[in-house]
Amino acid sequence: MSRSDRDRRQDILGAIDAVMRYYPKLSGDDRDMAHDAIVRQLEIIGEAANRLDPETKMKAPEIEWHKIADFGTSRSTSTSA
Protein backbone atom coordinates (compact mmCIF):
# COMPACT_ATOMS: atom_id res chain seq x y z
CA MET A 1 0.00 0.00 0.00
CA SER A 2 1.36 3.38 -0.99
CA ARG A 3 1.79 6.10 1.59
CA SER A 4 -0.37 9.17 1.20
CA ASP A 5 0.87 12.73 0.85
CA ARG A 6 -0.57 13.36 4.30
CA ASP A 7 1.70 10.61 5.68
CA ARG A 8 4.67 12.07 3.83
CA ARG A 9 3.96 15.57 5.17
CA GLN A 10 3.81 14.06 8.67
CA ASP A 11 7.18 12.38 8.01
CA ILE A 12 8.62 15.78 7.04
CA LEU A 13 7.21 17.51 10.10
CA GLY A 14 8.38 14.69 12.40
CA ALA A 15 11.87 14.84 10.93
CA ILE A 16 11.99 18.63 11.36
CA ASP A 17 10.97 18.19 15.00
CA ALA A 18 13.73 15.61 15.47
CA VAL A 19 16.34 17.91 13.92
CA MET A 20 15.29 20.68 16.30
CA ARG A 21 15.71 18.30 19.26
CA TYR A 22 19.09 16.97 18.08
CA TYR A 23 20.60 20.32 17.07
CA PRO A 24 21.55 21.47 20.61
CA LYS A 25 23.47 18.22 21.10
CA LEU A 26 25.94 19.16 18.36
CA SER A 27 28.03 21.00 20.92
CA GLY A 28 28.00 18.21 23.51
CA ASP A 29 29.72 14.90 24.05
CA ASP A 30 27.31 13.17 21.66
CA ARG A 31 27.99 15.51 18.75
CA ASP A 32 28.97 12.76 16.31
CA MET A 33 25.81 10.82 17.03
CA ALA A 34 23.70 14.00 16.84
CA HIS A 35 25.29 14.89 13.50
CA ASP A 36 24.53 11.45 12.08
CA ALA A 37 20.96 11.62 13.40
CA ILE A 38 20.43 15.05 11.84
CA VAL A 39 21.80 13.90 8.49
CA ARG A 40 19.41 10.92 8.55
CA GLN A 41 16.45 13.17 9.35
CA LEU A 42 17.39 15.46 6.45
CA GLU A 43 17.48 12.42 4.19
CA ILE A 44 13.99 11.47 5.39
CA ILE A 45 12.78 14.99 4.60
CA GLY A 46 14.31 14.80 1.13
CA GLU A 47 12.91 11.35 0.40
CA ALA A 48 9.41 12.35 1.54
CA ALA A 49 9.54 15.60 -0.46
CA ASN A 50 10.64 13.67 -3.54
CA ARG A 51 7.62 11.39 -3.29
CA LEU A 52 5.00 14.13 -2.77
CA ASP A 53 2.47 14.46 -5.55
CA PRO A 54 3.25 17.41 -7.87
CA GLU A 55 -0.21 18.80 -7.17
CA THR A 56 0.58 18.91 -3.46
CA LYS A 57 3.84 20.74 -4.14
CA MET A 58 2.02 23.32 -6.28
CA LYS A 59 -0.03 24.29 -3.20
CA ALA A 60 3.17 25.65 -1.64
CA PRO A 61 5.13 27.20 -4.53
CA GLU A 62 7.29 29.23 -2.16
CA ILE A 63 9.01 26.01 -1.07
CA GLU A 64 11.86 24.94 -3.33
CA TRP A 65 10.81 21.30 -3.36
CA HIS A 66 13.41 20.27 -5.95
CA LYS A 67 16.24 21.42 -3.69
CA ILE A 68 14.82 19.52 -0.73
CA ALA A 69 14.26 16.38 -2.79
CA ASP A 70 17.72 16.66 -4.36
CA PHE A 71 19.30 16.85 -0.91
CA GLY A 72 17.68 13.63 0.18
CA THR A 73 18.72 11.88 -3.00
CA SER A 74 22.28 13.19 -3.11
CA ARG A 75 22.95 12.56 0.58
CA SER A 76 21.61 9.03 0.56
CA THR A 77 23.70 8.03 -2.45
CA SER A 78 26.96 9.72 -1.44
CA THR A 79 29.65 8.48 0.88
CA SER A 80 31.60 10.45 3.42
CA ALA A 81 35.34 10.34 3.93
PDB file of N, CA and C in Angstrom:
ATOM      1  N   MET A   1       0.839  -1.180   0.000  1.00  0.00           N
ATOM      2  CA  MET A   1       0.000   0.000   0.000  1.00  0.00           C
ATOM      3  C   MET A   1       0.884   1.243   0.000  1.00  0.00           C
ATOM      4  N   SER A   2       0.574   2.157  -0.858  1.00  0.00           N
ATOM      5  CA  SER A   2       1.361   3.376  -0.994  1.00  0.00           C
ATOM      6  C   SER A   2       1.014   4.368   0.121  1.00  0.00           C
ATOM      7  N   ARG A   3       2.023   5.078   0.553  1.00  0.00           N
ATOM      8  CA  ARG A   3       1.793   6.102   1.587  1.00  0.00           C
ATOM      9  C   ARG A   3       1.171   7.336   0.954  1.00  0.00           C
ATOM     10  N   SER A   4       0.316   7.983   1.694  1.00  0.00           N
ATOM     11  CA  SER A   4      -0.367   9.174   1.195  1.00  0.00           C
ATOM     12  C   SER A   4       0.517  10.411   1.370  1.00  0.00           C
ATOM     13  N   ASP A   5       0.147  11.470   0.670  1.00  0.00           N
ATOM     14  CA  ASP A   5       0.867  12.732   0.845  1.00  0.00           C
ATOM     15  C   ASP A   5       0.742  13.231   2.279  1.00  0.00           C
ATOM     16  N   ARG A   6      -0.395  12.967   2.894  1.00  0.00           N
ATOM     17  CA  ARG A   6      -0.570  13.361   4.300  1.00  0.00           C
ATOM     18  C   ARG A   6       0.481  12.656   5.168  1.00  0.00           C
ATOM     19  N   ASP A   7       0.678  11.356   4.931  1.00  0.00           N
ATOM     20  CA  ASP A   7       1.699  10.605   5.677  1.00  0.00           C
ATOM     21  C   ASP A   7       3.086  11.187   5.422  1.00  0.00           C
ATOM     22  N   ARG A   8       3.354  11.520   4.174  1.00  0.00           N
ATOM     23  CA  ARG A   8       4.671  12.072   3.833  1.00  0.00           C
ATOM     24  C   ARG A   8       4.884  13.442   4.469  1.00  0.00           C
ATOM     25  N   ARG A   9       3.839  14.269   4.501  1.00  0.00           N
ATOM     26  CA  ARG A   9       3.958  15.574   5.173  1.00  0.00           C
ATOM     27  C   ARG A   9       4.207  15.375   6.665  1.00  0.00           C
ATOM     28  N   GLN A  10       3.572  14.366   7.254  1.00  0.00           N
ATOM     29  CA  GLN A  10       3.806  14.058   8.667  1.00  0.00           C
ATOM     30  C   GLN A  10       5.245  13.589   8.877  1.00  0.00           C
ATOM     31  N   ASP A  11       5.764  12.804   7.931  1.00  0.00           N
ATOM     32  CA  ASP A  11       7.176  12.384   8.010  1.00  0.00           C
ATOM     33  C   ASP A  11       8.095  13.599   8.008  1.00  0.00           C
ATOM     34  N   ILE A  12       7.801  14.559   7.133  1.00  0.00           N
ATOM     35  CA  ILE A  12       8.615  15.778   7.038  1.00  0.00           C
ATOM     36  C   ILE A  12       8.553  16.552   8.346  1.00  0.00           C
ATOM     37  N   LEU A  13       7.352  16.754   8.860  1.00  0.00           N
ATOM     38  CA  LEU A  13       7.206  17.513  10.103  1.00  0.00           C
ATOM     39  C   LEU A  13       7.870  16.793  11.285  1.00  0.00           C
ATOM     40  N   GLY A  14       7.732  15.465  11.334  1.00  0.00           N
ATOM     41  CA  GLY A  14       8.382  14.694  12.401  1.00  0.00           C
ATOM     42  C   GLY A  14       9.897  14.786  12.322  1.00  0.00           C
ATOM     43  N   ALA A  15      10.426  14.742  11.111  1.00  0.00           N
ATOM     44  CA  ALA A  15      11.875  14.843  10.931  1.00  0.00           C
ATOM     45  C   ALA A  15      12.379  16.236  11.306  1.00  0.00           C
ATOM     46  N   ILE A  16      11.612  17.264  10.960  1.00  0.00           N
ATOM     47  CA  ILE A  16      11.990  18.629  11.356  1.00  0.00           C
ATOM     48  C   ILE A  16      12.027  18.739  12.880  1.00  0.00           C
ATOM     49  N   ASP A  17      11.014  18.173  13.536  1.00  0.00           N
ATOM     50  CA  ASP A  17      10.972  18.190  14.998  1.00  0.00           C
ATOM     51  C   ASP A  17      12.202  17.483  15.578  1.00  0.00           C
ATOM     52  N   ALA A  18      12.560  16.345  14.996  1.00  0.00           N
ATOM     53  CA  ALA A  18      13.731  15.606  15.474  1.00  0.00           C
ATOM     54  C   ALA A  18      15.010  16.427  15.297  1.00  0.00           C
ATOM     55  N   VAL A  19      15.159  17.076  14.157  1.00  0.00           N
ATOM     56  CA  VAL A  19      16.344  17.910  13.923  1.00  0.00           C
ATOM     57  C   VAL A  19      16.427  19.004  14.984  1.00  0.00           C
ATOM     58  N   MET A  20      15.301  19.615  15.289  1.00  0.00           N
ATOM     59  CA  MET A  20      15.292  20.680  16.302  1.00  0.00           C
ATOM     60  C   MET A  20      15.693  20.135  17.678  1.00  0.00           C
ATOM     61  N   ARG A  21      15.324  18.910  17.980  1.00  0.00           N
ATOM     62  CA  ARG A  21      15.709  18.296  19.261  1.00  0.00           C
ATOM     63  C   ARG A  21      17.184  17.904  19.274  1.00  0.00           C
ATOM     64  N   TYR A  22      17.709  17.437  18.137  1.00  0.00           N
ATOM     65  CA  TYR A  22      19.095  16.973  18.076  1.00  0.00           C
ATOM     66  C   TYR A  22      20.097  18.117  17.957  1.00  0.00           C
ATOM     67  N   TYR A  23      19.685  19.211  17.359  1.00  0.00           N
ATOM     68  CA  TYR A  23      20.600  20.317  17.067  1.00  0.00           C
ATOM     69  C   TYR A  23      21.399  20.785  18.298  1.00  0.00           C
ATOM     70  N   PRO A  24      20.770  21.011  19.448  1.00  0.00           N
ATOM     71  CA  PRO A  24      21.550  21.471  20.614  1.00  0.00           C
ATOM     72  C   PRO A  24      22.636  20.489  21.042  1.00  0.00           C
ATOM     73  N   LYS A  25      22.490  19.229  20.703  1.00  0.00           N
ATOM     74  CA  LYS A  25      23.469  18.219  21.104  1.00  0.00           C
ATOM     75  C   LYS A  25      24.743  18.254  20.256  1.00  0.00           C
ATOM     76  N   LEU A  26      24.748  19.079  19.209  1.00  0.00           N
ATOM     77  CA  LEU A  26      25.942  19.164  18.360  1.00  0.00           C
ATOM     78  C   LEU A  26      27.144  19.741  19.092  1.00  0.00           C
ATOM     79  N   SER A  27      26.901  20.429  20.181  1.00  0.00           N
ATOM     80  CA  SER A  27      28.025  21.003  20.922  1.00  0.00           C
ATOM     81  C   SER A  27      28.381  20.180  22.157  1.00  0.00           C
ATOM     82  N   GLY A  28      27.733  19.049  22.336  1.00  0.00           N
ATOM     83  CA  GLY A  28      27.995  18.214  23.511  1.00  0.00           C
ATOM     84  C   GLY A  28      28.859  17.002  23.204  1.00  0.00           C
ATOM     85  N   ASP A  29      28.908  16.110  24.178  1.00  0.00           N
ATOM     86  CA  ASP A  29      29.721  14.896  24.048  1.00  0.00           C
ATOM     87  C   ASP A  29      29.199  13.961  22.957  1.00  0.00           C
ATOM     88  N   ASP A  30      27.921  14.051  22.651  1.00  0.00           N
ATOM     89  CA  ASP A  30      27.315  13.167  21.662  1.00  0.00           C
ATOM     90  C   ASP A  30      27.198  13.822  20.284  1.00  0.00           C
ATOM     91  N   ARG A  31      28.108  14.745  19.997  1.00  0.00           N
ATOM     92  CA  ARG A  31      27.990  15.513  18.749  1.00  0.00           C
ATOM     93  C   ARG A  31      28.056  14.650  17.495  1.00  0.00           C
ATOM     94  N   ASP A  32      28.884  13.625  17.485  1.00  0.00           N
ATOM     95  CA  ASP A  32      28.968  12.760  16.306  1.00  0.00           C
ATOM     96  C   ASP A  32      27.649  12.026  16.074  1.00  0.00           C
ATOM     97  N   MET A  33      27.077  11.519  17.153  1.00  0.00           N
ATOM     98  CA  MET A  33      25.809  10.825  17.033  1.00  0.00           C
ATOM     99  C   MET A  33      24.700  11.806  16.627  1.00  0.00           C
ATOM    100  N   ALA A  34      24.703  12.998  17.195  1.00  0.00           N
ATOM    101  CA  ALA A  34      23.702  14.004  16.840  1.00  0.00           C
ATOM    102  C   ALA A  34      23.835  14.392  15.374  1.00  0.00           C
ATOM    103  N   HIS A  35      25.064  14.553  14.912  1.00  0.00           N
ATOM    104  CA  HIS A  35      25.291  14.893  13.503  1.00  0.00           C
ATOM    105  C   HIS A  35      24.719  13.814  12.597  1.00  0.00           C
ATOM    106  N   ASP A  36      25.038  12.557  12.889  1.00  0.00           N
ATOM    107  CA  ASP A  36      24.532  11.450  12.081  1.00  0.00           C
ATOM    108  C   ASP A  36      23.002  11.400  12.106  1.00  0.00           C
ATOM    109  N   ALA A  37      22.422  11.637  13.274  1.00  0.00           N
ATOM    110  CA  ALA A  37      20.961  11.617  13.396  1.00  0.00           C
ATOM    111  C   ALA A  37      20.330  12.749  12.585  1.00  0.00           C
ATOM    112  N   ILE A  38      20.947  13.915  12.609  1.00  0.00           N
ATOM    113  CA  ILE A  38      20.425  15.052  11.840  1.00  0.00           C
ATOM    114  C   ILE A  38      20.526  14.768  10.354  1.00  0.00           C
ATOM    115  N   VAL A  39      21.639  14.234   9.913  1.00  0.00           N
ATOM    116  CA  VAL A  39      21.796  13.898   8.491  1.00  0.00           C
ATOM    117  C   VAL A  39      20.712  12.913   8.070  1.00  0.00           C
ATOM    118  N   ARG A  40      20.452  11.911   8.891  1.00  0.00           N
ATOM    119  CA  ARG A  40      19.413  10.921   8.549  1.00  0.00           C
ATOM    120  C   ARG A  40      18.044  11.586   8.468  1.00  0.00           C
ATOM    121  N   GLN A  41      17.745  12.483   9.378  1.00  0.00           N
ATOM    122  CA  GLN A  41      16.446  13.166   9.346  1.00  0.00           C
ATOM    123  C   GLN A  41      16.327  14.034   8.094  1.00  0.00           C
ATOM    124  N   LEU A  42      17.418  14.672   7.682  1.00  0.00           N
ATOM    125  CA  LEU A  42      17.393  15.465   6.452  1.00  0.00           C
ATOM    126  C   LEU A  42      17.171  14.571   5.235  1.00  0.00           C
ATOM    127  N   GLU A  43      17.733  13.376   5.272  1.00  0.00           N
ATOM    128  CA  GLU A  43      17.480  12.416   4.191  1.00  0.00           C
ATOM    129  C   GLU A  43      16.005  12.021   4.148  1.00  0.00           C
ATOM    130  N   ILE A  44      15.423  11.812   5.313  1.00  0.00           N
ATOM    131  CA  ILE A  44      13.993  11.473   5.391  1.00  0.00           C
ATOM    132  C   ILE A  44      13.158  12.596   4.803  1.00  0.00           C
ATOM    133  N   ILE A  45      13.497  13.836   5.140  1.00  0.00           N
ATOM    134  CA  ILE A  45      12.778  14.989   4.596  1.00  0.00           C
ATOM    135  C   ILE A  45      12.890  14.997   3.076  1.00  0.00           C
ATOM    136  N   GLY A  46      14.099  14.796   2.575  1.00  0.00           N
ATOM    137  CA  GLY A  46      14.314  14.804   1.130  1.00  0.00           C
ATOM    138  C   GLY A  46      13.563  13.690   0.424  1.00  0.00           C
ATOM    139  N   GLU A  47      13.600  12.494   1.006  1.00  0.00           N
ATOM    140  CA  GLU A  47      12.906  11.354   0.402  1.00  0.00           C
ATOM    141  C   GLU A  47      11.397  11.578   0.383  1.00  0.00           C
ATOM    142  N   ALA A  48      10.860  12.084   1.476  1.00  0.00           N
ATOM    143  CA  ALA A  48       9.414  12.347   1.539  1.00  0.00           C
ATOM    144  C   ALA A  48       9.026  13.451   0.556  1.00  0.00           C
ATOM    145  N   ALA A  49       9.826  14.502   0.470  1.00  0.00           N
ATOM    146  CA  ALA A  49       9.540  15.595  -0.464  1.00  0.00           C
ATOM    147  C   ALA A  49       9.588  15.097  -1.904  1.00  0.00           C
ATOM    148  N   ASN A  50      10.507  14.223  -2.195  1.00  0.00           N
ATOM    149  CA  ASN A  50      10.642  13.674  -3.545  1.00  0.00           C
ATOM    150  C   ASN A  50       9.415  12.869  -3.955  1.00  0.00           C
ATOM    151  N   ARG A  51       8.756  12.253  -2.986  1.00  0.00           N
ATOM    152  CA  ARG A  51       7.618  11.392  -3.289  1.00  0.00           C
ATOM    153  C   ARG A  51       6.269  12.100  -3.195  1.00  0.00           C
ATOM    154  N   LEU A  52       6.264  13.378  -2.810  1.00  0.00           N
ATOM    155  CA  LEU A  52       5.004  14.130  -2.772  1.00  0.00           C
ATOM    156  C   LEU A  52       4.442  14.287  -4.182  1.00  0.00           C
ATOM    157  N   ASP A  53       3.148  14.248  -4.276  1.00  0.00           N
ATOM    158  CA  ASP A  53       2.471  14.457  -5.552  1.00  0.00           C
ATOM    159  C   ASP A  53       2.745  15.881  -6.047  1.00  0.00           C
ATOM    160  N   PRO A  54       2.998  16.063  -7.337  1.00  0.00           N
ATOM    161  CA  PRO A  54       3.250  17.411  -7.872  1.00  0.00           C
ATOM    162  C   PRO A  54       2.125  18.406  -7.543  1.00  0.00           C
ATOM    163  N   GLU A  55       0.909  17.924  -7.509  1.00  0.00           N
ATOM    164  CA  GLU A  55      -0.215  18.801  -7.168  1.00  0.00           C
ATOM    165  C   GLU A  55      -0.096  19.325  -5.740  1.00  0.00           C
ATOM    166  N   THR A  56       0.363  18.490  -4.850  1.00  0.00           N
ATOM    167  CA  THR A  56       0.577  18.910  -3.461  1.00  0.00           C
ATOM    168  C   THR A  56       1.666  19.975  -3.399  1.00  0.00           C
ATOM    169  N   LYS A  57       2.736  19.774  -4.139  1.00  0.00           N
ATOM    170  CA  LYS A  57       3.839  20.740  -4.145  1.00  0.00           C
ATOM    171  C   LYS A  57       3.396  22.087  -4.719  1.00  0.00           C
ATOM    172  N   MET A  58       2.487  22.064  -5.680  1.00  0.00           N
ATOM    173  CA  MET A  58       2.024  23.322  -6.280  1.00  0.00           C
ATOM    174  C   MET A  58       1.224  24.160  -5.290  1.00  0.00           C
ATOM    175  N   LYS A  59       0.721  23.548  -4.225  1.00  0.00           N
ATOM    176  CA  LYS A  59      -0.027  24.287  -3.198  1.00  0.00           C
ATOM    177  C   LYS A  59       0.898  25.148  -2.335  1.00  0.00           C
ATOM    178  N   ALA A  60       2.186  24.880  -2.397  1.00  0.00           N
ATOM    179  CA  ALA A  60       3.171  25.654  -1.636  1.00  0.00           C
ATOM    180  C   ALA A  60       4.332  26.010  -2.564  1.00  0.00           C
ATOM    181  N   PRO A  61       4.081  26.886  -3.545  1.00  0.00           N
ATOM    182  CA  PRO A  61       5.130  27.196  -4.534  1.00  0.00           C
ATOM    183  C   PRO A  61       6.328  27.935  -3.949  1.00  0.00           C
ATOM    184  N   GLU A  62       6.178  28.507  -2.776  1.00  0.00           N
ATOM    185  CA  GLU A  62       7.293  29.230  -2.161  1.00  0.00           C
ATOM    186  C   GLU A  62       8.374  28.279  -1.638  1.00  0.00           C
ATOM    187  N   ILE A  63       8.038  27.009  -1.518  1.00  0.00           N
ATOM    188  CA  ILE A  63       9.010  26.008  -1.073  1.00  0.00           C
ATOM    189  C   ILE A  63       9.747  25.461  -2.290  1.00  0.00           C
ATOM    190  N   GLU A  64      11.049  25.444  -2.221  1.00  0.00           N
ATOM    191  CA  GLU A  64      11.862  24.943  -3.330  1.00  0.00           C
ATOM    192  C   GLU A  64      11.994  23.423  -3.188  1.00  0.00           C
ATOM    193  N   TRP A  65      10.913  22.742  -3.544  1.00  0.00           N
ATOM    194  CA  TRP A  65      10.812  21.297  -3.358  1.00  0.00           C
ATOM    195  C   TRP A  65      11.955  20.544  -4.031  1.00  0.00           C
ATOM    196  N   HIS A  66      12.344  20.987  -5.219  1.00  0.00           N
ATOM    197  CA  HIS A  66      13.406  20.274  -5.947  1.00  0.00           C
ATOM    198  C   HIS A  66      14.717  20.280  -5.174  1.00  0.00           C
ATOM    199  N   LYS A  67      14.999  21.366  -4.474  1.00  0.00           N
ATOM    200  CA  LYS A  67      16.237  21.422  -3.687  1.00  0.00           C
ATOM    201  C   LYS A  67      16.162  20.477  -2.488  1.00  0.00           C
ATOM    202  N   ILE A  68      15.001  20.415  -1.872  1.00  0.00           N
ATOM    203  CA  ILE A  68      14.821  19.525  -0.728  1.00  0.00           C
ATOM    204  C   ILE A  68      14.925  18.076  -1.181  1.00  0.00           C
ATOM    205  N   ALA A  69      14.236  17.741  -2.263  1.00  0.00           N
ATOM    206  CA  ALA A  69      14.261  16.380  -2.787  1.00  0.00           C
ATOM    207  C   ALA A  69      15.662  16.004  -3.249  1.00  0.00           C
ATOM    208  N   ASP A  70      16.355  16.924  -3.898  1.00  0.00           N
ATOM    209  CA  ASP A  70      17.720  16.659  -4.359  1.00  0.00           C
ATOM    210  C   ASP A  70      18.648  16.376  -3.188  1.00  0.00           C
ATOM    211  N   PHE A  71      18.450  17.079  -2.081  1.00  0.00           N
ATOM    212  CA  PHE A  71      19.303  16.854  -0.913  1.00  0.00           C
ATOM    213  C   PHE A  71      19.133  15.425  -0.410  1.00  0.00           C
ATOM    214  N   GLY A  72      17.910  14.989  -0.291  1.00  0.00           N
ATOM    215  CA  GLY A  72      17.677  13.634   0.182  1.00  0.00           C
ATOM    216  C   GLY A  72      18.281  12.596  -0.729  1.00  0.00           C
ATOM    217  N   THR A  73      18.170  12.810  -2.029  1.00  0.00           N
ATOM    218  CA  THR A  73      18.717  11.878  -3.003  1.00  0.00           C
ATOM    219  C   THR A  73      20.234  11.910  -3.003  1.00  0.00           C
ATOM    220  N   SER A  74      20.818  13.098  -3.028  1.00  0.00           N
ATOM    221  CA  SER A  74      22.283  13.191  -3.109  1.00  0.00           C
ATOM    222  C   SER A  74      22.952  12.723  -1.826  1.00  0.00           C
ATOM    223  N   ARG A  75      22.353  12.983  -0.685  1.00  0.00           N
ATOM    224  CA  ARG A  75      22.954  12.558   0.580  1.00  0.00           C
ATOM    225  C   ARG A  75      22.864  11.050   0.760  1.00  0.00           C
ATOM    226  N   SER A  76      21.760  10.460   0.334  1.00  0.00           N
ATOM    227  CA  SER A  76      21.611   9.027   0.562  1.00  0.00           C
ATOM    228  C   SER A  76      22.435   8.195  -0.412  1.00  0.00           C
ATOM    229  N   THR A  77      22.889   8.790  -1.491  1.00  0.00           N
ATOM    230  CA  THR A  77      23.695   8.028  -2.448  1.00  0.00           C
ATOM    231  C   THR A  77      25.174   8.369  -2.376  1.00  0.00           C
ATOM    232  N   SER A  78      25.543   9.353  -1.544  1.00  0.00           N
ATOM    233  CA  SER A  78      26.957   9.716  -1.439  1.00  0.00           C
ATOM    234  C   SER A  78      27.597   9.011  -0.260  1.00  0.00           C
ATOM    235  N   THR A  79      28.922   9.038  -0.253  1.00  0.00           N
ATOM    236  CA  THR A  79      29.648   8.477   0.880  1.00  0.00           C
ATOM    237  C   THR A  79      30.494   9.570   1.499  1.00  0.00           C
ATOM    238  N   SER A  80      30.764   9.443   2.762  1.00  0.00           N
ATOM    239  CA  SER A  80      31.602  10.450   3.424  1.00  0.00           C
ATOM    240  C   SER A  80      32.983   9.870   3.661  1.00  0.00           C
ATOM    241  N   ALA A  81      33.942  10.760   3.743  1.00  0.00           N
ATOM    242  CA  ALA A  81      35.344  10.335   3.933  1.00  0.00           C
ATOM    243  C   ALA A  81      35.633  10.101   5.385  1.00  0.00           C
TER     244      ALA A  81
END
